Structures are given as C-alpha cells and as structure tokens.
Amino acid sequence: MESLPTMVTIAELRKRVQEPVRRYNDVAGVLVGDHVSIHVTRLFLAWGISPTVGTLSMLVFGVVGSVLALYGGWLAVAGFACVFLYYVFDCVDGEVARFHRGEKLIWGFYDFLFHLAVKASFFVCTGIYAAKSTGRPEFFFFGLAALLAVLFQKFLLDLAVMLVSRYVLLSTNESRDRFAQQM
C-alpha cells in the first residue's frame, strides 16, 4: 500500500480522489466531500487505515444513528450526528480506495447493500418515531413511503448498470471483447 507523503496537500488529495467521481456526486456529496470527508480521508491515509474500515463504519454509524432517532430528544440528535458520520464514511471509503488505486468490485457491492440497509433502517425508524410521538399510527406509512421512493430512485438509477453488467458477465469472451471495444 502506498503511504501518504508528508507533503500531499488537501488540494492534491482532492484532485486525486474526488475529481474522478465529482460528476456522480449529489449536492450533499460535494459539500461533505469538500469540507469534511477529505480531512478524514487524510487521517485514514496517514494512519494506514483500510477503506474497508470506512465501509464498515458507514454501516455501523448509519444503523446506530437510525435506531437512536427512535428515542427522540438528545438521543435523536446523537442519531442524526451518526447518520452524518455515515455519509462522511461513505465518502472516505471510496477516497481511500481511489488513493491506493485499489477499488474492489466486491466492496462496491457491499457499499450498495449497506446503503439499502441504512436507508431502510432510517426511514422505518423515523416512521415509527413519527407514529409514536404523534399517537397516529398512520404516520408510520410516511416513513415507508419515503423509503419506497428512495429505493425506487436508487434502483432506477442503477438498473441500467446492473443489466449491462449482467449481460457482459454472462456473455462469451468474444461478445465481451466486442462490448469493451464499443465502450
């Protein structure tokens, strides 16, 4: 693994690990990446921490934050702070992997699954809290509706990539070569 040179600046790090994917980021991704995650990424690199730690941290902070939101008050504030850290670590794992030029397809798959788990837990917990705090059980369905909307959007955005990947992986070597040439 390549260690972080002592002279690498945040600007150089940003150019190497954020610019290649900037066009895929939403507004939150740009704001968190530019102002928060890049500094955490620098610490990961300086301390030799694997991007896997970032991916697993993303899952833990996202689920724990979602559950804490159930309890309201200061626990909900702590929960939302954890959900923010979920987003930070989601940026960090990719940035560290890109720095080392070590992105692995399997961790991209886990990242996708972990996003689904966190989004599901967040919207279900938020729906439960809304129903519990208002005394109106039907408010739980607002959380479910938000979850379905987010999942529907995620699958619509990723469906084309999944279908093309399936086609390429299941095709013959000759078909794969033709496909690669067309790309």
N, C-alpha and C. Protein backbone atom coordinates (compact mmCIF):
# COMPACT_ATOMS: atom_id res chain seq x y z
N MET A 1 0.83 -1.19 0.00
CA MET A 1 0.00 0.00 0.00
C MET A 1 0.87 1.24 0.00
N GLU A 2 0.43 2.21 -0.75
CA GLU A 2 1.15 3.47 -0.84
C GLU A 2 0.86 4.32 0.38
N SER A 3 1.89 4.81 1.04
CA SER A 3 1.67 5.65 2.21
C SER A 3 1.51 7.09 1.77
N LEU A 4 0.93 7.88 2.64
CA LEU A 4 0.67 9.28 2.34
C LEU A 4 1.96 10.08 2.48
N PRO A 5 2.41 10.69 1.39
CA PRO A 5 3.59 11.54 1.52
C PRO A 5 3.28 12.71 2.45
N THR A 6 4.25 13.12 3.24
CA THR A 6 4.01 14.18 4.21
C THR A 6 3.68 15.50 3.53
N MET A 7 4.04 15.65 2.26
CA MET A 7 3.83 16.93 1.59
C MET A 7 2.52 16.99 0.80
N VAL A 8 1.72 15.94 0.77
CA VAL A 8 0.49 15.98 -0.01
C VAL A 8 -0.48 16.96 0.66
N THR A 9 -1.01 17.85 -0.14
CA THR A 9 -1.94 18.85 0.38
C THR A 9 -3.37 18.35 0.20
N ILE A 10 -4.28 19.01 0.89
CA ILE A 10 -5.69 18.68 0.72
C ILE A 10 -6.08 18.90 -0.75
N ALA A 11 -5.57 19.95 -1.36
CA ALA A 11 -5.89 20.23 -2.77
C ALA A 11 -5.40 19.10 -3.68
N GLU A 12 -4.19 18.60 -3.44
CA GLU A 12 -3.66 17.48 -4.24
C GLU A 12 -4.47 16.21 -4.00
N LEU A 13 -4.80 15.98 -2.74
CA LEU A 13 -5.60 14.81 -2.39
C LEU A 13 -6.98 14.90 -3.03
N ARG A 14 -7.58 16.07 -2.97
CA ARG A 14 -8.89 16.29 -3.58
C ARG A 14 -8.85 16.00 -5.08
N LYS A 15 -7.78 16.46 -5.74
CA LYS A 15 -7.65 16.25 -7.18
C LYS A 15 -7.53 14.76 -7.51
N ARG A 16 -6.82 14.04 -6.68
CA ARG A 16 -6.58 12.62 -6.96
C ARG A 16 -7.76 11.72 -6.61
N VAL A 17 -8.48 12.04 -5.53
CA VAL A 17 -9.51 11.09 -5.07
C VAL A 17 -10.94 11.58 -5.22
N GLN A 18 -11.14 12.88 -5.42
CA GLN A 18 -12.51 13.38 -5.53
C GLN A 18 -12.88 13.78 -6.96
N GLU A 19 -11.97 14.41 -7.66
CA GLU A 19 -12.30 14.86 -9.02
C GLU A 19 -12.74 13.74 -9.96
N PRO A 20 -12.14 12.54 -9.88
CA PRO A 20 -12.59 11.48 -10.80
C PRO A 20 -14.06 11.09 -10.65
N VAL A 21 -14.66 11.36 -9.51
CA VAL A 21 -16.06 10.96 -9.30
C VAL A 21 -16.99 12.13 -9.02
N ARG A 22 -16.49 13.33 -9.08
CA ARG A 22 -17.29 14.51 -8.74
C ARG A 22 -18.58 14.59 -9.55
N ARG A 23 -18.54 14.24 -10.81
CA ARG A 23 -19.74 14.39 -11.65
C ARG A 23 -20.85 13.43 -11.23
N TYR A 24 -20.53 12.42 -10.44
CA TYR A 24 -21.54 11.47 -9.97
C TYR A 24 -22.14 11.86 -8.62
N ASN A 25 -21.55 12.85 -7.96
CA ASN A 25 -22.00 13.24 -6.62
C ASN A 25 -23.24 14.11 -6.68
N ASP A 26 -24.07 13.96 -5.66
CA ASP A 26 -25.16 14.90 -5.47
C ASP A 26 -24.61 16.10 -4.68
N VAL A 27 -25.47 17.05 -4.39
CA VAL A 27 -25.02 18.26 -3.68
C VAL A 27 -24.42 17.90 -2.33
N ALA A 28 -25.07 17.01 -1.60
CA ALA A 28 -24.55 16.62 -0.28
C ALA A 28 -23.19 15.96 -0.41
N GLY A 29 -23.00 15.16 -1.44
CA GLY A 29 -21.71 14.50 -1.65
C GLY A 29 -20.59 15.50 -1.88
N VAL A 30 -20.89 16.54 -2.65
CA VAL A 30 -19.88 17.58 -2.90
C VAL A 30 -19.59 18.35 -1.62
N LEU A 31 -20.64 18.73 -0.89
CA LEU A 31 -20.44 19.51 0.33
C LEU A 31 -19.71 18.71 1.41
N VAL A 32 -20.14 17.48 1.64
CA VAL A 32 -19.48 16.66 2.66
C VAL A 32 -18.06 16.31 2.22
N GLY A 33 -17.90 15.95 0.94
CA GLY A 33 -16.58 15.59 0.44
C GLY A 33 -15.59 16.74 0.50
N ASP A 34 -16.04 17.89 0.04
CA ASP A 34 -15.13 19.04 0.00
C ASP A 34 -14.78 19.58 1.38
N HIS A 35 -15.70 19.48 2.30
CA HIS A 35 -15.48 20.15 3.57
C HIS A 35 -15.21 19.23 4.75
N VAL A 36 -15.54 17.96 4.65
CA VAL A 36 -15.39 17.09 5.81
C VAL A 36 -14.59 15.83 5.48
N SER A 37 -15.10 15.02 4.54
CA SER A 37 -14.52 13.69 4.35
C SER A 37 -13.07 13.73 3.91
N ILE A 38 -12.67 14.72 3.16
CA ILE A 38 -11.29 14.77 2.66
C ILE A 38 -10.30 14.82 3.82
N HIS A 39 -10.69 15.46 4.93
CA HIS A 39 -9.81 15.54 6.10
C HIS A 39 -9.76 14.19 6.83
N VAL A 40 -10.90 13.50 6.89
CA VAL A 40 -10.93 12.17 7.48
C VAL A 40 -10.14 11.20 6.60
N THR A 41 -10.28 11.34 5.29
CA THR A 41 -9.52 10.51 4.34
C THR A 41 -8.03 10.70 4.58
N ARG A 42 -7.61 11.92 4.77
CA ARG A 42 -6.18 12.20 5.01
C ARG A 42 -5.69 11.49 6.28
N LEU A 43 -6.54 11.48 7.31
CA LEU A 43 -6.18 10.74 8.54
C LEU A 43 -6.09 9.24 8.28
N PHE A 44 -7.05 8.70 7.55
CA PHE A 44 -7.01 7.27 7.20
C PHE A 44 -5.71 6.93 6.48
N LEU A 45 -5.34 7.77 5.53
CA LEU A 45 -4.13 7.52 4.76
C LEU A 45 -2.89 7.65 5.63
N ALA A 46 -2.84 8.68 6.46
CA ALA A 46 -1.66 8.89 7.32
C ALA A 46 -1.51 7.75 8.32
N TRP A 47 -2.61 7.21 8.79
CA TRP A 47 -2.56 6.15 9.79
C TRP A 47 -2.61 4.76 9.18
N GLY A 48 -2.69 4.66 7.85
CA GLY A 48 -2.69 3.36 7.17
C GLY A 48 -3.96 2.56 7.39
N ILE A 49 -5.10 3.23 7.55
CA ILE A 49 -6.37 2.54 7.79
C ILE A 49 -6.98 2.13 6.45
N SER A 50 -7.46 0.93 6.38
CA SER A 50 -8.04 0.35 5.17
C SER A 50 -9.37 1.01 4.82
N PRO A 51 -9.69 1.10 3.52
CA PRO A 51 -11.01 1.61 3.14
C PRO A 51 -12.15 0.72 3.65
N THR A 52 -11.85 -0.54 3.92
CA THR A 52 -12.85 -1.45 4.47
C THR A 52 -13.37 -0.95 5.82
N VAL A 53 -12.49 -0.35 6.61
CA VAL A 53 -12.90 0.22 7.89
C VAL A 53 -13.92 1.34 7.65
N GLY A 54 -13.70 2.12 6.61
CA GLY A 54 -14.65 3.18 6.28
C GLY A 54 -16.00 2.62 5.87
N THR A 55 -15.98 1.56 5.06
CA THR A 55 -17.23 0.95 4.60
C THR A 55 -18.01 0.35 5.77
N LEU A 56 -17.31 -0.37 6.65
CA LEU A 56 -17.98 -0.96 7.80
C LEU A 56 -18.46 0.11 8.78
N SER A 57 -17.67 1.19 8.92
CA SER A 57 -18.07 2.31 9.78
C SER A 57 -19.34 2.96 9.24
N MET A 58 -19.42 3.05 7.92
CA MET A 58 -20.60 3.61 7.28
C MET A 58 -21.85 2.84 7.72
N LEU A 59 -21.77 1.52 7.67
CA LEU A 59 -22.91 0.68 8.05
C LEU A 59 -23.25 0.86 9.53
N VAL A 60 -22.25 0.78 10.38
CA VAL A 60 -22.49 0.86 11.83
C VAL A 60 -23.08 2.21 12.21
N PHE A 61 -22.47 3.30 11.76
CA PHE A 61 -22.98 4.62 12.11
C PHE A 61 -24.38 4.86 11.54
N GLY A 62 -24.64 4.37 10.34
CA GLY A 62 -25.96 4.55 9.74
C GLY A 62 -27.05 3.82 10.50
N VAL A 63 -26.82 2.58 10.85
CA VAL A 63 -27.85 1.79 11.56
C VAL A 63 -28.00 2.29 13.00
N VAL A 64 -26.88 2.54 13.69
CA VAL A 64 -26.96 3.03 15.07
C VAL A 64 -27.65 4.39 15.10
N GLY A 65 -27.31 5.26 14.16
CA GLY A 65 -27.96 6.57 14.10
C GLY A 65 -29.45 6.46 13.86
N SER A 66 -29.84 5.55 13.00
CA SER A 66 -31.26 5.35 12.72
C SER A 66 -32.01 4.89 13.97
N VAL A 67 -31.43 3.95 14.69
CA VAL A 67 -32.07 3.43 15.91
C VAL A 67 -32.14 4.52 16.98
N LEU A 68 -31.08 5.31 17.12
CA LEU A 68 -31.10 6.39 18.13
C LEU A 68 -32.19 7.42 17.82
N ALA A 69 -32.48 7.63 16.55
CA ALA A 69 -33.53 8.59 16.17
C ALA A 69 -34.90 8.16 16.71
N LEU A 70 -35.07 6.89 16.98
CA LEU A 70 -36.34 6.37 17.53
C LEU A 70 -36.69 6.99 18.88
N TYR A 71 -35.69 7.37 19.64
CA TYR A 71 -35.92 7.76 21.03
C TYR A 71 -36.17 9.24 21.24
N GLY A 72 -36.00 10.04 20.21
CA GLY A 72 -36.25 11.47 20.33
C GLY A 72 -35.25 12.17 21.22
N GLY A 73 -35.46 13.45 21.41
CA GLY A 73 -34.61 14.26 22.29
C GLY A 73 -33.14 14.23 21.88
N TRP A 74 -32.28 14.20 22.90
CA TRP A 74 -30.85 14.23 22.66
C TRP A 74 -30.34 12.96 21.97
N LEU A 75 -31.03 11.86 22.21
CA LEU A 75 -30.63 10.63 21.51
C LEU A 75 -30.87 10.75 20.00
N ALA A 76 -31.94 11.44 19.64
CA ALA A 76 -32.19 11.66 18.22
C ALA A 76 -31.13 12.58 17.62
N VAL A 77 -30.71 13.59 18.39
CA VAL A 77 -29.64 14.47 17.92
C VAL A 77 -28.36 13.66 17.71
N ALA A 78 -28.04 12.79 18.67
CA ALA A 78 -26.87 11.91 18.52
C ALA A 78 -27.07 10.99 17.32
N GLY A 79 -28.29 10.53 17.12
CA GLY A 79 -28.59 9.68 15.97
C GLY A 79 -28.35 10.39 14.66
N PHE A 80 -28.79 11.63 14.56
CA PHE A 80 -28.57 12.36 13.32
C PHE A 80 -27.09 12.68 13.11
N ALA A 81 -26.36 12.87 14.21
CA ALA A 81 -24.90 13.04 14.09
C ALA A 81 -24.27 11.75 13.55
N CYS A 82 -24.76 10.61 14.01
CA CYS A 82 -24.26 9.32 13.50
C CYS A 82 -24.60 9.16 12.01
N VAL A 83 -25.79 9.58 11.63
CA VAL A 83 -26.18 9.48 10.22
C VAL A 83 -25.30 10.40 9.37
N PHE A 84 -24.92 11.56 9.91
CA PHE A 84 -23.98 12.42 9.20
C PHE A 84 -22.63 11.71 9.04
N LEU A 85 -22.17 11.06 10.11
CA LEU A 85 -20.92 10.30 10.03
C LEU A 85 -21.02 9.15 9.04
N TYR A 86 -22.19 8.54 8.94
CA TYR A 86 -22.44 7.51 7.91
C TYR A 86 -22.10 8.09 6.53
N TYR A 87 -22.58 9.29 6.29
CA TYR A 87 -22.34 9.91 4.99
C TYR A 87 -20.86 10.23 4.80
N VAL A 88 -20.21 10.71 5.86
CA VAL A 88 -18.78 11.01 5.78
C VAL A 88 -17.99 9.75 5.44
N PHE A 89 -18.25 8.66 6.18
CA PHE A 89 -17.52 7.42 5.93
C PHE A 89 -17.84 6.81 4.57
N ASP A 90 -19.04 7.10 4.06
CA ASP A 90 -19.37 6.65 2.71
C ASP A 90 -18.45 7.33 1.69
N CYS A 91 -18.11 8.57 1.92
CA CYS A 91 -17.16 9.27 1.05
C CYS A 91 -15.74 8.75 1.28
N VAL A 92 -15.37 8.58 2.53
CA VAL A 92 -14.00 8.23 2.91
C VAL A 92 -13.57 6.89 2.31
N ASP A 93 -14.43 5.88 2.37
CA ASP A 93 -14.01 4.56 1.88
C ASP A 93 -13.61 4.61 0.41
N GLY A 94 -14.39 5.31 -0.40
CA GLY A 94 -14.05 5.43 -1.82
C GLY A 94 -12.81 6.26 -2.05
N GLU A 95 -12.66 7.34 -1.27
CA GLU A 95 -11.49 8.20 -1.44
C GLU A 95 -10.20 7.46 -1.10
N VAL A 96 -10.22 6.70 -0.02
CA VAL A 96 -9.02 5.93 0.37
C VAL A 96 -8.72 4.87 -0.69
N ALA A 97 -9.76 4.19 -1.16
CA ALA A 97 -9.55 3.15 -2.19
C ALA A 97 -9.00 3.77 -3.48
N ARG A 98 -9.54 4.92 -3.87
CA ARG A 98 -9.02 5.57 -5.09
C ARG A 98 -7.58 6.03 -4.90
N PHE A 99 -7.22 6.50 -3.70
CA PHE A 99 -5.85 6.92 -3.47
C PHE A 99 -4.88 5.77 -3.70
N HIS A 100 -5.26 4.60 -3.19
CA HIS A 100 -4.40 3.42 -3.33
C HIS A 100 -4.61 2.69 -4.66
N ARG A 101 -5.52 3.22 -5.47
CA ARG A 101 -5.90 2.58 -6.74
C ARG A 101 -6.28 1.12 -6.48
N GLY A 102 -7.07 0.94 -5.43
CA GLY A 102 -7.42 -0.41 -5.01
C GLY A 102 -8.91 -0.63 -4.88
N GLU A 103 -9.71 0.03 -5.74
CA GLU A 103 -11.15 -0.21 -5.68
C GLU A 103 -11.43 -1.66 -6.02
N LYS A 104 -12.29 -2.28 -5.25
CA LYS A 104 -12.63 -3.68 -5.48
C LYS A 104 -14.13 -3.79 -5.70
N LEU A 105 -14.51 -4.52 -6.73
CA LEU A 105 -15.90 -4.66 -7.10
C LEU A 105 -16.74 -5.21 -5.95
N ILE A 106 -16.22 -6.14 -5.20
CA ILE A 106 -17.00 -6.74 -4.12
C ILE A 106 -17.36 -5.71 -3.06
N TRP A 107 -16.44 -4.77 -2.76
CA TRP A 107 -16.75 -3.75 -1.76
C TRP A 107 -17.73 -2.73 -2.31
N GLY A 108 -17.74 -2.53 -3.62
CA GLY A 108 -18.77 -1.70 -4.24
C GLY A 108 -20.15 -2.32 -4.05
N PHE A 109 -20.20 -3.65 -4.16
CA PHE A 109 -21.45 -4.37 -3.94
C PHE A 109 -21.89 -4.25 -2.48
N TYR A 110 -20.94 -4.44 -1.54
CA TYR A 110 -21.27 -4.28 -0.13
C TYR A 110 -21.74 -2.86 0.17
N ASP A 111 -21.06 -1.89 -0.42
CA ASP A 111 -21.44 -0.50 -0.25
C ASP A 111 -22.91 -0.31 -0.67
N PHE A 112 -23.28 -0.86 -1.81
CA PHE A 112 -24.65 -0.77 -2.30
C PHE A 112 -25.62 -1.40 -1.30
N LEU A 113 -25.30 -2.61 -0.82
CA LEU A 113 -26.16 -3.28 0.15
C LEU A 113 -26.25 -2.52 1.47
N PHE A 114 -25.13 -1.98 1.92
CA PHE A 114 -25.13 -1.23 3.17
C PHE A 114 -25.98 0.02 3.06
N HIS A 115 -25.95 0.67 1.89
CA HIS A 115 -26.82 1.83 1.68
C HIS A 115 -28.28 1.42 1.82
N LEU A 116 -28.64 0.30 1.23
CA LEU A 116 -30.02 -0.17 1.32
C LEU A 116 -30.40 -0.44 2.78
N ALA A 117 -29.50 -1.07 3.53
CA ALA A 117 -29.77 -1.37 4.94
C ALA A 117 -29.94 -0.09 5.75
N VAL A 118 -29.07 0.88 5.54
CA VAL A 118 -29.13 2.12 6.32
C VAL A 118 -30.39 2.91 5.94
N LYS A 119 -30.66 3.02 4.66
CA LYS A 119 -31.85 3.78 4.25
C LYS A 119 -33.11 3.12 4.77
N ALA A 120 -33.17 1.81 4.71
CA ALA A 120 -34.34 1.11 5.23
C ALA A 120 -34.48 1.35 6.74
N SER A 121 -33.39 1.19 7.48
CA SER A 121 -33.47 1.37 8.93
C SER A 121 -33.82 2.81 9.28
N PHE A 122 -33.26 3.77 8.55
CA PHE A 122 -33.53 5.18 8.85
C PHE A 122 -35.00 5.53 8.64
N PHE A 123 -35.55 5.17 7.49
CA PHE A 123 -36.93 5.55 7.20
C PHE A 123 -37.93 4.75 8.05
N VAL A 124 -37.65 3.51 8.33
CA VAL A 124 -38.53 2.73 9.20
C VAL A 124 -38.50 3.31 10.62
N CYS A 125 -37.31 3.59 11.13
CA CYS A 125 -37.20 4.16 12.48
C CYS A 125 -37.85 5.55 12.56
N THR A 126 -37.65 6.35 11.53
CA THR A 126 -38.27 7.68 11.51
C THR A 126 -39.79 7.56 11.46
N GLY A 127 -40.29 6.61 10.68
CA GLY A 127 -41.73 6.39 10.62
C GLY A 127 -42.29 5.92 11.96
N ILE A 128 -41.58 5.03 12.62
CA ILE A 128 -42.01 4.56 13.94
C ILE A 128 -42.03 5.73 14.93
N TYR A 129 -40.98 6.55 14.89
CA TYR A 129 -40.92 7.70 15.80
C TYR A 129 -42.08 8.66 15.53
N ALA A 130 -42.37 8.92 14.25
CA ALA A 130 -43.47 9.82 13.92
C ALA A 130 -44.79 9.28 14.44
N ALA A 131 -45.02 7.99 14.27
CA ALA A 131 -46.27 7.37 14.75
C ALA A 131 -46.34 7.41 16.28
N LYS A 132 -45.21 7.09 16.91
CA LYS A 132 -45.16 7.04 18.38
C LYS A 132 -45.34 8.44 18.99
N SER A 133 -44.66 9.42 18.44
CA SER A 133 -44.69 10.75 19.05
C SER A 133 -45.99 11.50 18.79
N THR A 134 -46.70 11.17 17.71
CA THR A 134 -47.96 11.85 17.41
C THR A 134 -49.17 11.07 17.89
N GLY A 135 -48.98 9.78 18.20
CA GLY A 135 -50.11 8.95 18.55
C GLY A 135 -50.97 8.58 17.35
N ARG A 136 -50.42 8.78 16.17
CA ARG A 136 -51.16 8.48 14.94
C ARG A 136 -50.40 7.41 14.17
N PRO A 137 -50.82 6.16 14.30
CA PRO A 137 -50.10 5.04 13.67
C PRO A 137 -49.94 5.17 12.16
N GLU A 138 -50.86 5.86 11.52
CA GLU A 138 -50.77 6.00 10.05
C GLU A 138 -49.54 6.81 9.62
N PHE A 139 -48.97 7.59 10.54
CA PHE A 139 -47.77 8.35 10.19
C PHE A 139 -46.58 7.44 9.88
N PHE A 140 -46.64 6.20 10.38
CA PHE A 140 -45.60 5.24 10.04
C PHE A 140 -45.51 5.06 8.53
N PHE A 141 -46.62 5.16 7.85
CA PHE A 141 -46.64 4.95 6.41
C PHE A 141 -45.93 6.05 5.64
N PHE A 142 -45.78 7.23 6.26
CA PHE A 142 -44.98 8.27 5.61
C PHE A 142 -43.51 7.84 5.55
N GLY A 143 -43.04 7.20 6.61
CA GLY A 143 -41.67 6.66 6.60
C GLY A 143 -41.52 5.58 5.55
N LEU A 144 -42.51 4.71 5.44
CA LEU A 144 -42.46 3.66 4.42
C LEU A 144 -42.53 4.25 3.02
N ALA A 145 -43.36 5.27 2.84
CA ALA A 145 -43.47 5.90 1.52
C ALA A 145 -42.13 6.55 1.13
N ALA A 146 -41.48 7.20 2.08
CA ALA A 146 -40.17 7.81 1.81
C ALA A 146 -39.15 6.73 1.46
N LEU A 147 -39.18 5.62 2.19
CA LEU A 147 -38.27 4.51 1.90
C LEU A 147 -38.50 3.97 0.50
N LEU A 148 -39.74 3.74 0.15
CA LEU A 148 -40.04 3.22 -1.19
C LEU A 148 -39.61 4.19 -2.28
N ALA A 149 -39.80 5.49 -2.05
CA ALA A 149 -39.39 6.49 -3.03
C ALA A 149 -37.88 6.47 -3.23
N VAL A 150 -37.14 6.39 -2.13
CA VAL A 150 -35.67 6.37 -2.21
C VAL A 150 -35.18 5.09 -2.88
N LEU A 151 -35.76 3.96 -2.50
CA LEU A 151 -35.35 2.69 -3.11
C LEU A 151 -35.71 2.64 -4.59
N PHE A 152 -36.88 3.14 -4.92
CA PHE A 152 -37.30 3.18 -6.32
C PHE A 152 -36.32 4.02 -7.14
N GLN A 153 -35.96 5.20 -6.62
CA GLN A 153 -35.00 6.06 -7.32
C GLN A 153 -33.65 5.37 -7.45
N LYS A 154 -33.18 4.74 -6.37
CA LYS A 154 -31.86 4.08 -6.39
C LYS A 154 -31.84 2.96 -7.43
N PHE A 155 -32.88 2.16 -7.44
CA PHE A 155 -32.90 1.06 -8.40
C PHE A 155 -33.08 1.56 -9.83
N LEU A 156 -33.85 2.62 -10.03
CA LEU A 156 -33.98 3.16 -11.38
C LEU A 156 -32.65 3.69 -11.90
N LEU A 157 -31.90 4.36 -11.02
CA LEU A 157 -30.61 4.90 -11.44
C LEU A 157 -29.59 3.81 -11.71
N ASP A 158 -29.66 2.72 -10.94
CA ASP A 158 -28.66 1.67 -11.04
C ASP A 158 -29.07 0.50 -11.93
N LEU A 159 -30.33 0.46 -12.33
CA LEU A 159 -30.84 -0.67 -13.09
C LEU A 159 -30.09 -0.88 -14.41
N ALA A 160 -29.85 0.20 -15.13
CA ALA A 160 -29.15 0.07 -16.42
C ALA A 160 -27.76 -0.52 -16.23
N VAL A 161 -27.05 -0.06 -15.21
CA VAL A 161 -25.71 -0.58 -14.94
C VAL A 161 -25.78 -2.06 -14.56
N MET A 162 -26.76 -2.41 -13.76
CA MET A 162 -26.91 -3.82 -13.35
C MET A 162 -27.20 -4.71 -14.56
N LEU A 163 -28.07 -4.27 -15.43
CA LEU A 163 -28.42 -5.08 -16.60
C LEU A 163 -27.25 -5.22 -17.57
N VAL A 164 -26.53 -4.12 -17.81
CA VAL A 164 -25.37 -4.18 -18.70
C VAL A 164 -24.30 -5.07 -18.09
N SER A 165 -24.06 -4.94 -16.79
CA SER A 165 -23.07 -5.78 -16.11
C SER A 165 -23.45 -7.24 -16.21
N ARG A 166 -24.71 -7.55 -16.02
CA ARG A 166 -25.17 -8.93 -16.13
C ARG A 166 -24.94 -9.45 -17.54
N TYR A 167 -25.27 -8.62 -18.53
CA TYR A 167 -25.08 -9.02 -19.93
C TYR A 167 -23.60 -9.33 -20.20
N VAL A 168 -22.73 -8.43 -19.77
CA VAL A 168 -21.30 -8.59 -20.02
C VAL A 168 -20.76 -9.82 -19.29
N LEU A 169 -21.14 -9.98 -18.04
CA LEU A 169 -20.62 -11.11 -17.25
C LEU A 169 -21.09 -12.46 -17.77
N LEU A 170 -22.29 -12.51 -18.32
CA LEU A 170 -22.84 -13.79 -18.78
C LEU A 170 -22.56 -14.07 -20.26
N SER A 171 -21.95 -13.12 -20.94
CA SER A 171 -21.71 -13.34 -22.37
C SER A 171 -20.38 -14.09 -22.60
N THR A 172 -20.18 -14.47 -23.85
CA THR A 172 -18.95 -15.17 -24.21
C THR A 172 -17.79 -14.19 -24.24
N ASN A 173 -16.58 -14.71 -24.27
CA ASN A 173 -15.40 -13.85 -24.33
C ASN A 173 -15.45 -12.95 -25.56
N GLU A 174 -15.88 -13.50 -26.70
CA GLU A 174 -15.94 -12.72 -27.94
C GLU A 174 -16.92 -11.56 -27.80
N SER A 175 -18.09 -11.82 -27.22
CA SER A 175 -19.07 -10.75 -27.01
C SER A 175 -18.54 -9.70 -26.05
N ARG A 176 -17.87 -10.15 -24.98
CA ARG A 176 -17.30 -9.21 -24.02
C ARG A 176 -16.27 -8.31 -24.69
N ASP A 177 -15.44 -8.89 -25.55
CA ASP A 177 -14.41 -8.11 -26.25
C ASP A 177 -15.06 -7.06 -27.16
N ARG A 178 -16.11 -7.45 -27.88
CA ARG A 178 -16.83 -6.50 -28.75
C ARG A 178 -17.44 -5.37 -27.92
N PHE A 179 -18.02 -5.74 -26.81
CA PHE A 179 -18.63 -4.75 -25.93
C PHE A 179 -17.57 -3.78 -25.42
N ALA A 180 -16.42 -4.30 -24.99
CA ALA A 180 -15.35 -3.44 -24.47
C ALA A 180 -14.84 -2.50 -25.55
N GLN A 181 -14.73 -2.97 -26.79
CA GLN A 181 -14.29 -2.11 -27.89
C GLN A 181 -15.29 -0.99 -28.16
N GLN A 182 -16.57 -1.29 -28.03
CA GLN A 182 -17.61 -0.27 -28.25
C GLN A 182 -17.59 0.80 -27.17
N MET A 183 -17.19 0.39 -25.99
CA MET A 183 -17.15 1.36 -24.88
C MET A 183 -15.94 2.25 -25.07
